[in-house]
Amino acid sequence: MHLQYSITHARKLQEMFHLPDISVLELCVETCGHVYGAMVLNLLRICNAKQKLNVFVDCRASWTTVEACPPDCLCNQPQNWRNQNIYLSLEEVEIVNFKGSGYEIDFLKLLFRCAPLMTVTLKLAAKVSPSSRGRKETYKIFKANPAVECHVYRKRGKEIIYA
C-alpha cells in the first residue's frame, strides 16, 4: 500500500494529535539515512507555544549512507517543506550529532527564516570533517544572522570558533 501525503493528511494529523501547550520539544530521531526535517516541521506545527527545540540524532545506523532515501520517500514529504514560510515561536535550538548534510542545512535555514531565534547550538557528529561543505555552509548561515548567538561543538565537547 502506498501512502500519499497531502495537506489534508497533515490537517487531520493536527486535529487528531493536538498536543498541549509546551515550552520545550525534545526529540530523539533515528534517521537510518532518512530526512527528518519534514517530520520535525510537522511536529512543530501541531505543538503550541514552544520556545526550545532539542533534536538528538541517533546516527548509529545512518553513517552507512549519506542521502539514502529516494526523492519520493515519505520522510521527505511534502517535498516543499524546505521552502515553507510558517511562523515558529522557537527562540532556542539544539541539534546533537549534526552532520551538515544537505537536508540538515535546509532545515537550519528554515528555522532561521521562520523563528525569532536567539540561540542555536550544534553538536557535531563524530565523523564530521572540519573542512566539510556542510560545516562551511553552516558558518555562512551563522554569519548571515549576527543577532543570533550560535555555537558549534565537536563530539567531545570542545567549542569550535568560526571566523
N, C-alpha and C. Protein backbone atom coordinates (compact mmCIF):
# COMPACT_ATOMS: atom_id res chain seq x y z
N MET A 1 0.84 -1.17 0.00
CA MET A 1 0.00 0.00 0.00
C MET A 1 0.89 1.24 0.00
N HIS A 2 0.62 2.17 -0.88
CA HIS A 2 1.40 3.40 -0.99
C HIS A 2 0.60 4.54 -0.38
N LEU A 3 1.19 5.18 0.64
CA LEU A 3 0.51 6.30 1.29
C LEU A 3 0.85 7.59 0.57
N GLN A 4 -0.13 8.38 0.29
CA GLN A 4 0.07 9.67 -0.35
C GLN A 4 -0.06 10.76 0.69
N TYR A 5 1.01 11.51 0.90
CA TYR A 5 0.99 12.59 1.88
C TYR A 5 0.36 13.81 1.23
N SER A 6 -0.48 14.50 1.97
CA SER A 6 -1.11 15.70 1.43
C SER A 6 -1.37 16.69 2.55
N ILE A 7 -1.75 17.88 2.17
CA ILE A 7 -2.09 18.91 3.15
C ILE A 7 -3.28 18.46 3.99
N THR A 8 -4.24 17.79 3.35
CA THR A 8 -5.40 17.28 4.08
C THR A 8 -4.96 16.30 5.15
N HIS A 9 -4.03 15.43 4.81
CA HIS A 9 -3.50 14.46 5.76
C HIS A 9 -2.83 15.18 6.93
N ALA A 10 -2.08 16.22 6.65
CA ALA A 10 -1.41 16.99 7.71
C ALA A 10 -2.44 17.63 8.63
N ARG A 11 -3.50 18.18 8.06
CA ARG A 11 -4.55 18.80 8.88
C ARG A 11 -5.25 17.77 9.77
N LYS A 12 -5.49 16.58 9.21
CA LYS A 12 -6.10 15.52 10.01
C LYS A 12 -5.20 15.14 11.17
N LEU A 13 -3.90 15.06 10.92
CA LEU A 13 -2.96 14.75 11.99
C LEU A 13 -3.00 15.83 13.07
N GLN A 14 -3.07 17.08 12.64
CA GLN A 14 -3.14 18.18 13.61
C GLN A 14 -4.38 18.07 14.48
N GLU A 15 -5.50 17.71 13.86
CA GLU A 15 -6.74 17.57 14.61
C GLU A 15 -6.71 16.36 15.55
N MET A 16 -6.14 15.26 15.08
CA MET A 16 -6.09 14.04 15.88
C MET A 16 -5.10 14.14 17.04
N PHE A 17 -3.97 14.78 16.80
CA PHE A 17 -2.89 14.79 17.78
C PHE A 17 -2.57 16.20 18.23
N HIS A 18 -3.56 16.93 18.64
CA HIS A 18 -3.32 18.28 19.14
C HIS A 18 -2.62 18.17 20.49
N LEU A 19 -1.39 18.59 20.52
CA LEU A 19 -0.60 18.49 21.74
C LEU A 19 -0.87 19.68 22.65
N PRO A 20 -0.69 19.50 23.94
CA PRO A 20 -0.89 20.63 24.86
C PRO A 20 0.20 21.68 24.66
N ASP A 21 -0.02 22.85 25.22
CA ASP A 21 1.00 23.89 25.15
C ASP A 21 2.25 23.41 25.87
N ILE A 22 3.37 23.52 25.19
CA ILE A 22 4.64 23.10 25.77
C ILE A 22 5.68 24.16 25.49
N SER A 23 6.72 24.21 26.30
CA SER A 23 7.77 25.18 26.05
C SER A 23 9.01 24.54 25.44
N VAL A 24 9.22 23.24 25.69
CA VAL A 24 10.39 22.54 25.15
C VAL A 24 9.93 21.27 24.44
N LEU A 25 10.38 21.11 23.20
CA LEU A 25 10.12 19.88 22.45
C LEU A 25 11.45 19.17 22.29
N GLU A 26 11.56 17.97 22.89
CA GLU A 26 12.78 17.18 22.79
C GLU A 26 12.48 15.94 21.97
N LEU A 27 13.31 15.73 20.95
CA LEU A 27 13.11 14.60 20.04
C LEU A 27 14.39 13.79 19.93
N CYS A 28 14.25 12.48 19.92
CA CYS A 28 15.35 11.58 19.61
C CYS A 28 14.98 10.92 18.29
N VAL A 29 15.78 11.17 17.27
CA VAL A 29 15.43 10.74 15.92
C VAL A 29 16.48 9.75 15.41
N GLU A 30 16.04 8.55 15.08
CA GLU A 30 16.93 7.58 14.45
C GLU A 30 16.66 7.64 12.95
N THR A 31 17.57 8.25 12.22
CA THR A 31 17.31 8.56 10.82
C THR A 31 17.47 7.38 9.87
N CYS A 32 18.43 6.51 10.11
CA CYS A 32 18.72 5.39 9.20
C CYS A 32 18.83 5.88 7.76
N GLY A 33 19.42 7.06 7.58
CA GLY A 33 19.61 7.61 6.25
C GLY A 33 18.46 8.44 5.73
N HIS A 34 17.40 8.58 6.50
CA HIS A 34 16.23 9.34 6.05
C HIS A 34 16.30 10.79 6.51
N VAL A 35 15.46 11.61 5.92
CA VAL A 35 15.36 13.03 6.20
C VAL A 35 14.45 13.24 7.41
N TYR A 36 14.85 14.10 8.34
CA TYR A 36 13.98 14.35 9.49
C TYR A 36 13.36 15.75 9.49
N GLY A 37 13.75 16.62 8.60
CA GLY A 37 13.26 18.00 8.59
C GLY A 37 11.75 18.12 8.45
N ALA A 38 11.16 17.40 7.51
CA ALA A 38 9.71 17.49 7.27
C ALA A 38 8.93 16.99 8.48
N MET A 39 9.40 15.91 9.09
CA MET A 39 8.71 15.35 10.26
C MET A 39 8.77 16.31 11.44
N VAL A 40 9.95 16.90 11.68
CA VAL A 40 10.08 17.84 12.79
C VAL A 40 9.22 19.07 12.54
N LEU A 41 9.20 19.55 11.31
CA LEU A 41 8.36 20.70 10.97
C LEU A 41 6.88 20.39 11.24
N ASN A 42 6.44 19.19 10.89
CA ASN A 42 5.05 18.80 11.17
C ASN A 42 4.77 18.78 12.67
N LEU A 43 5.70 18.27 13.45
CA LEU A 43 5.53 18.26 14.91
C LEU A 43 5.48 19.68 15.47
N LEU A 44 6.33 20.55 14.93
CA LEU A 44 6.33 21.94 15.40
C LEU A 44 5.00 22.63 15.09
N ARG A 45 4.38 22.24 13.99
CA ARG A 45 3.08 22.82 13.63
C ARG A 45 1.99 22.43 14.62
N ILE A 46 2.02 21.20 15.12
CA ILE A 46 0.94 20.75 15.99
C ILE A 46 1.20 21.03 17.46
N CYS A 47 2.36 21.57 17.78
CA CYS A 47 2.65 21.97 19.16
C CYS A 47 2.41 23.46 19.30
N ASN A 48 1.97 23.87 20.47
CA ASN A 48 1.73 25.30 20.72
C ASN A 48 2.76 25.84 21.69
N ALA A 49 3.09 27.12 21.54
CA ALA A 49 3.91 27.86 22.49
C ALA A 49 5.26 27.23 22.77
N LYS A 50 5.86 26.62 21.79
CA LYS A 50 7.18 26.05 22.03
C LYS A 50 8.25 27.14 21.90
N GLN A 51 9.21 27.09 22.79
CA GLN A 51 10.29 28.07 22.79
C GLN A 51 11.63 27.42 22.47
N LYS A 52 11.75 26.14 22.78
CA LYS A 52 13.04 25.47 22.60
C LYS A 52 12.83 24.13 21.91
N LEU A 53 13.71 23.84 20.97
CA LEU A 53 13.70 22.56 20.25
C LEU A 53 15.05 21.89 20.48
N ASN A 54 15.01 20.67 21.00
CA ASN A 54 16.20 19.84 21.15
C ASN A 54 16.02 18.62 20.26
N VAL A 55 16.96 18.41 19.35
CA VAL A 55 16.91 17.24 18.47
C VAL A 55 18.19 16.44 18.69
N PHE A 56 18.03 15.21 19.12
CA PHE A 56 19.16 14.29 19.24
C PHE A 56 19.05 13.32 18.09
N VAL A 57 20.01 13.36 17.17
CA VAL A 57 20.00 12.47 16.02
C VAL A 57 20.82 11.24 16.38
N ASP A 58 20.15 10.10 16.45
CA ASP A 58 20.83 8.84 16.74
C ASP A 58 21.39 8.33 15.42
N CYS A 59 22.67 8.52 15.24
CA CYS A 59 23.25 8.24 13.91
C CYS A 59 23.99 6.91 13.85
N ARG A 60 23.71 5.99 14.73
CA ARG A 60 24.39 4.69 14.69
C ARG A 60 24.19 4.00 13.35
N ALA A 61 22.99 4.06 12.81
CA ALA A 61 22.70 3.36 11.56
C ALA A 61 22.75 4.27 10.35
N SER A 62 22.94 5.57 10.54
CA SER A 62 22.80 6.48 9.40
C SER A 62 24.11 6.86 8.72
N TRP A 63 25.25 6.40 9.23
CA TRP A 63 26.52 6.74 8.56
C TRP A 63 26.78 5.85 7.36
N THR A 64 26.02 4.81 7.17
CA THR A 64 26.27 3.92 6.06
C THR A 64 25.93 4.57 4.72
N THR A 65 25.00 5.50 4.72
CA THR A 65 24.64 6.22 3.51
C THR A 65 24.46 7.69 3.84
N VAL A 66 24.78 8.55 2.88
CA VAL A 66 24.71 9.98 3.13
C VAL A 66 23.29 10.49 2.90
N GLU A 67 22.76 10.34 1.72
CA GLU A 67 21.40 10.79 1.39
C GLU A 67 20.67 9.55 0.86
N ALA A 68 20.38 8.60 1.73
CA ALA A 68 19.94 7.27 1.33
C ALA A 68 18.56 7.20 0.70
N CYS A 69 17.63 7.97 1.19
CA CYS A 69 16.26 7.76 0.73
C CYS A 69 16.02 8.42 -0.63
N PRO A 70 15.15 7.83 -1.43
CA PRO A 70 14.84 8.40 -2.74
C PRO A 70 14.04 9.69 -2.59
N PRO A 71 14.04 10.54 -3.62
CA PRO A 71 13.34 11.83 -3.54
C PRO A 71 11.85 11.71 -3.22
N ASP A 72 11.22 10.61 -3.59
CA ASP A 72 9.78 10.47 -3.34
C ASP A 72 9.48 9.73 -2.03
N CYS A 73 10.48 9.55 -1.18
CA CYS A 73 10.29 8.87 0.10
C CYS A 73 9.33 9.68 0.98
N LEU A 74 8.51 9.00 1.76
CA LEU A 74 7.54 9.67 2.63
C LEU A 74 8.20 10.55 3.67
N CYS A 75 9.45 10.25 4.04
CA CYS A 75 10.12 11.07 5.05
C CYS A 75 10.40 12.48 4.53
N ASN A 76 10.37 12.65 3.23
CA ASN A 76 10.69 13.93 2.61
C ASN A 76 9.43 14.64 2.10
N GLN A 77 8.28 14.28 2.65
CA GLN A 77 7.01 14.83 2.20
C GLN A 77 6.45 15.81 3.22
N PRO A 78 5.84 16.89 2.84
CA PRO A 78 5.72 17.34 1.46
C PRO A 78 7.07 17.82 0.95
N GLN A 79 7.28 17.67 -0.35
CA GLN A 79 8.60 17.99 -0.90
C GLN A 79 8.93 19.48 -0.80
N ASN A 80 7.95 20.31 -0.58
CA ASN A 80 8.23 21.75 -0.48
C ASN A 80 8.49 22.20 0.96
N TRP A 81 8.71 21.28 1.88
CA TRP A 81 8.91 21.66 3.29
C TRP A 81 10.08 22.61 3.44
N ARG A 82 11.09 22.49 2.59
CA ARG A 82 12.29 23.34 2.68
C ARG A 82 11.98 24.81 2.39
N ASN A 83 10.94 25.06 1.60
CA ASN A 83 10.62 26.42 1.17
C ASN A 83 9.45 27.03 1.92
N GLN A 84 8.93 26.34 2.89
CA GLN A 84 7.75 26.85 3.59
C GLN A 84 8.11 28.03 4.49
N ASN A 85 7.19 28.94 4.61
CA ASN A 85 7.33 30.10 5.49
C ASN A 85 6.18 30.08 6.47
N ILE A 86 6.44 29.52 7.63
CA ILE A 86 5.43 29.48 8.69
C ILE A 86 6.03 30.14 9.92
N TYR A 87 5.17 30.65 10.76
CA TYR A 87 5.68 31.27 11.98
C TYR A 87 5.94 30.20 13.03
N LEU A 88 7.16 30.18 13.53
CA LEU A 88 7.53 29.32 14.65
C LEU A 88 7.97 30.22 15.79
N SER A 89 7.59 29.90 16.99
CA SER A 89 7.94 30.75 18.13
C SER A 89 9.25 30.34 18.80
N LEU A 90 10.01 29.49 18.15
CA LEU A 90 11.26 29.00 18.73
C LEU A 90 12.25 30.12 18.98
N GLU A 91 12.86 30.08 20.15
CA GLU A 91 13.93 31.02 20.49
C GLU A 91 15.27 30.30 20.61
N GLU A 92 15.21 29.01 20.88
CA GLU A 92 16.44 28.26 21.10
C GLU A 92 16.36 26.90 20.41
N VAL A 93 17.46 26.52 19.74
CA VAL A 93 17.52 25.24 19.04
C VAL A 93 18.85 24.58 19.38
N GLU A 94 18.78 23.28 19.65
CA GLU A 94 20.00 22.49 19.84
C GLU A 94 19.84 21.21 19.04
N ILE A 95 20.85 20.91 18.22
CA ILE A 95 20.85 19.67 17.44
C ILE A 95 22.13 18.92 17.79
N VAL A 96 21.97 17.70 18.28
CA VAL A 96 23.10 16.86 18.66
C VAL A 96 23.32 15.82 17.57
N ASN A 97 24.58 15.60 17.21
CA ASN A 97 25.01 14.72 16.12
C ASN A 97 24.67 15.31 14.76
N PHE A 98 24.84 16.61 14.65
CA PHE A 98 24.62 17.34 13.40
C PHE A 98 25.75 16.97 12.43
N LYS A 99 25.38 16.56 11.21
CA LYS A 99 26.37 16.16 10.21
C LYS A 99 26.57 17.20 9.12
N GLY A 100 25.63 18.10 8.96
CA GLY A 100 25.76 19.11 7.92
C GLY A 100 25.37 18.60 6.55
N SER A 101 24.54 17.56 6.51
CA SER A 101 24.08 17.05 5.21
C SER A 101 23.15 18.08 4.58
N GLY A 102 22.86 17.90 3.32
CA GLY A 102 22.05 18.87 2.58
C GLY A 102 20.72 19.19 3.24
N TYR A 103 19.98 18.15 3.66
CA TYR A 103 18.67 18.41 4.27
C TYR A 103 18.82 19.04 5.65
N GLU A 104 19.90 18.75 6.38
CA GLU A 104 20.10 19.39 7.68
C GLU A 104 20.37 20.88 7.52
N ILE A 105 21.13 21.23 6.49
CA ILE A 105 21.38 22.64 6.18
C ILE A 105 20.06 23.32 5.80
N ASP A 106 19.26 22.65 4.98
CA ASP A 106 17.95 23.20 4.61
C ASP A 106 17.06 23.40 5.83
N PHE A 107 17.08 22.46 6.77
CA PHE A 107 16.29 22.56 7.99
C PHE A 107 16.77 23.73 8.83
N LEU A 108 18.07 23.90 8.93
CA LEU A 108 18.64 25.02 9.69
C LEU A 108 18.23 26.35 9.06
N LYS A 109 18.30 26.45 7.74
CA LYS A 109 17.87 27.68 7.04
C LYS A 109 16.40 27.98 7.32
N LEU A 110 15.57 26.93 7.29
CA LEU A 110 14.14 27.11 7.56
C LEU A 110 13.93 27.65 8.97
N LEU A 111 14.64 27.12 9.94
CA LEU A 111 14.49 27.59 11.32
C LEU A 111 14.90 29.05 11.45
N PHE A 112 16.01 29.43 10.82
CA PHE A 112 16.45 30.83 10.88
C PHE A 112 15.44 31.75 10.20
N ARG A 113 14.82 31.27 9.13
CA ARG A 113 13.87 32.07 8.37
C ARG A 113 12.53 32.22 9.10
N CYS A 114 12.10 31.19 9.81
CA CYS A 114 10.74 31.14 10.34
C CYS A 114 10.60 31.40 11.83
N ALA A 115 11.70 31.50 12.55
CA ALA A 115 11.61 31.64 14.00
C ALA A 115 12.48 32.80 14.50
N PRO A 116 12.06 33.45 15.58
CA PRO A 116 12.86 34.54 16.16
C PRO A 116 13.97 33.97 17.06
N LEU A 117 14.86 33.22 16.45
CA LEU A 117 15.90 32.52 17.21
C LEU A 117 16.81 33.48 17.95
N MET A 118 17.20 33.06 19.14
CA MET A 118 18.16 33.81 19.94
C MET A 118 19.44 33.00 20.13
N THR A 119 19.31 31.67 20.21
CA THR A 119 20.47 30.80 20.44
C THR A 119 20.34 29.54 19.60
N VAL A 120 21.42 29.18 18.91
CA VAL A 120 21.48 27.92 18.16
C VAL A 120 22.76 27.21 18.57
N THR A 121 22.62 25.95 18.97
CA THR A 121 23.77 25.14 19.37
C THR A 121 23.77 23.87 18.54
N LEU A 122 24.89 23.62 17.87
CA LEU A 122 25.06 22.40 17.10
C LEU A 122 26.20 21.60 17.72
N LYS A 123 25.93 20.35 18.00
CA LYS A 123 26.96 19.44 18.49
C LYS A 123 27.20 18.44 17.37
N LEU A 124 28.40 18.51 16.80
CA LEU A 124 28.70 17.74 15.60
C LEU A 124 28.81 16.25 15.87
N ALA A 125 28.44 15.48 14.86
CA ALA A 125 28.64 14.03 14.91
C ALA A 125 30.14 13.75 14.84
N ALA A 126 30.55 12.60 15.30
CA ALA A 126 31.97 12.26 15.43
C ALA A 126 32.73 12.31 14.10
N LYS A 127 32.12 11.94 13.02
CA LYS A 127 32.84 11.82 11.75
C LYS A 127 32.75 13.05 10.86
N VAL A 128 32.33 14.18 11.39
CA VAL A 128 32.22 15.39 10.58
C VAL A 128 33.60 16.01 10.44
N SER A 129 34.01 16.24 9.21
CA SER A 129 35.32 16.81 8.91
C SER A 129 35.31 18.32 9.11
N PRO A 130 36.41 18.88 9.64
CA PRO A 130 36.49 20.33 9.81
C PRO A 130 36.35 21.10 8.50
N SER A 131 36.69 20.46 7.40
CA SER A 131 36.62 21.16 6.11
C SER A 131 35.40 20.75 5.28
N SER A 132 34.44 20.12 5.90
CA SER A 132 33.28 19.64 5.15
C SER A 132 32.45 20.79 4.59
N ARG A 133 31.80 20.53 3.49
CA ARG A 133 30.95 21.53 2.85
C ARG A 133 29.81 21.95 3.78
N GLY A 134 29.26 21.00 4.51
CA GLY A 134 28.17 21.29 5.43
C GLY A 134 28.58 22.24 6.54
N ARG A 135 29.78 22.07 7.07
CA ARG A 135 30.25 22.97 8.12
C ARG A 135 30.46 24.37 7.58
N LYS A 136 31.02 24.45 6.39
CA LYS A 136 31.23 25.77 5.77
C LYS A 136 29.89 26.46 5.51
N GLU A 137 28.91 25.72 5.05
CA GLU A 137 27.57 26.27 4.79
C GLU A 137 26.91 26.71 6.10
N THR A 138 27.12 25.94 7.16
CA THR A 138 26.59 26.30 8.48
C THR A 138 27.16 27.63 8.93
N TYR A 139 28.45 27.82 8.77
CA TYR A 139 29.09 29.07 9.18
C TYR A 139 28.56 30.26 8.38
N LYS A 140 28.27 30.04 7.10
CA LYS A 140 27.68 31.11 6.28
C LYS A 140 26.32 31.52 6.84
N ILE A 141 25.53 30.54 7.23
CA ILE A 141 24.21 30.82 7.81
C ILE A 141 24.37 31.61 9.10
N PHE A 142 25.31 31.20 9.94
CA PHE A 142 25.55 31.90 11.20
C PHE A 142 25.98 33.34 10.97
N LYS A 143 26.89 33.54 10.02
CA LYS A 143 27.38 34.90 9.74
C LYS A 143 26.28 35.79 9.17
N ALA A 144 25.33 35.20 8.46
CA ALA A 144 24.22 35.97 7.89
C ALA A 144 23.19 36.34 8.95
N ASN A 145 23.32 35.80 10.15
CA ASN A 145 22.38 36.05 11.25
C ASN A 145 23.14 36.46 12.51
N PRO A 146 23.80 37.62 12.48
CA PRO A 146 24.67 38.02 13.60
C PRO A 146 23.94 38.26 14.91
N ALA A 147 22.64 38.48 14.88
CA ALA A 147 21.89 38.73 16.12
C ALA A 147 21.63 37.44 16.91
N VAL A 148 21.87 36.30 16.27
CA VAL A 148 21.64 35.01 16.92
C VAL A 148 22.95 34.50 17.51
N GLU A 149 22.90 34.10 18.77
CA GLU A 149 24.08 33.53 19.43
C GLU A 149 24.22 32.08 18.95
N CYS A 150 25.31 31.80 18.24
CA CYS A 150 25.49 30.48 17.63
C CYS A 150 26.74 29.80 18.19
N HIS A 151 26.61 28.50 18.45
CA HIS A 151 27.72 27.72 18.99
C HIS A 151 27.80 26.40 18.24
N VAL A 152 29.04 25.96 17.97
CA VAL A 152 29.28 24.66 17.36
C VAL A 152 30.29 23.94 18.24
N TYR A 153 29.98 22.69 18.58
CA TYR A 153 30.85 21.90 19.44
C TYR A 153 31.25 20.61 18.74
N ARG A 154 32.49 20.21 18.96
CA ARG A 154 32.94 18.90 18.49
C ARG A 154 32.27 17.83 19.34
N LYS A 155 32.38 16.60 18.89
CA LYS A 155 31.76 15.48 19.60
C LYS A 155 32.21 15.41 21.06
N ARG A 156 33.45 15.71 21.32
CA ARG A 156 33.99 15.60 22.67
C ARG A 156 33.71 16.83 23.53
N GLY A 157 33.00 17.82 22.98
CA GLY A 157 32.57 18.96 23.78
C GLY A 157 33.32 20.26 23.59
N LYS A 158 34.44 20.25 22.86
CA LYS A 158 35.21 21.48 22.66
C LYS A 158 34.50 22.38 21.65
N GLU A 159 34.32 23.66 22.02
CA GLU A 159 33.65 24.59 21.12
C GLU A 159 34.56 24.95 19.96
N ILE A 160 33.98 25.05 18.79
CA ILE A 160 34.71 25.44 17.58
C ILE A 160 34.38 26.89 17.31
N ILE A 161 35.40 27.70 17.20
CA ILE A 161 35.21 29.11 16.89
C ILE A 161 35.24 29.25 15.37
N TYR A 162 34.20 29.80 14.82
CA TYR A 162 34.14 30.00 13.37
C TYR A 162 34.45 31.46 13.08
N ALA A 163 35.16 31.69 11.97
CA ALA A 163 35.54 33.06 11.62
C ALA A 163 35.17 33.37 10.19
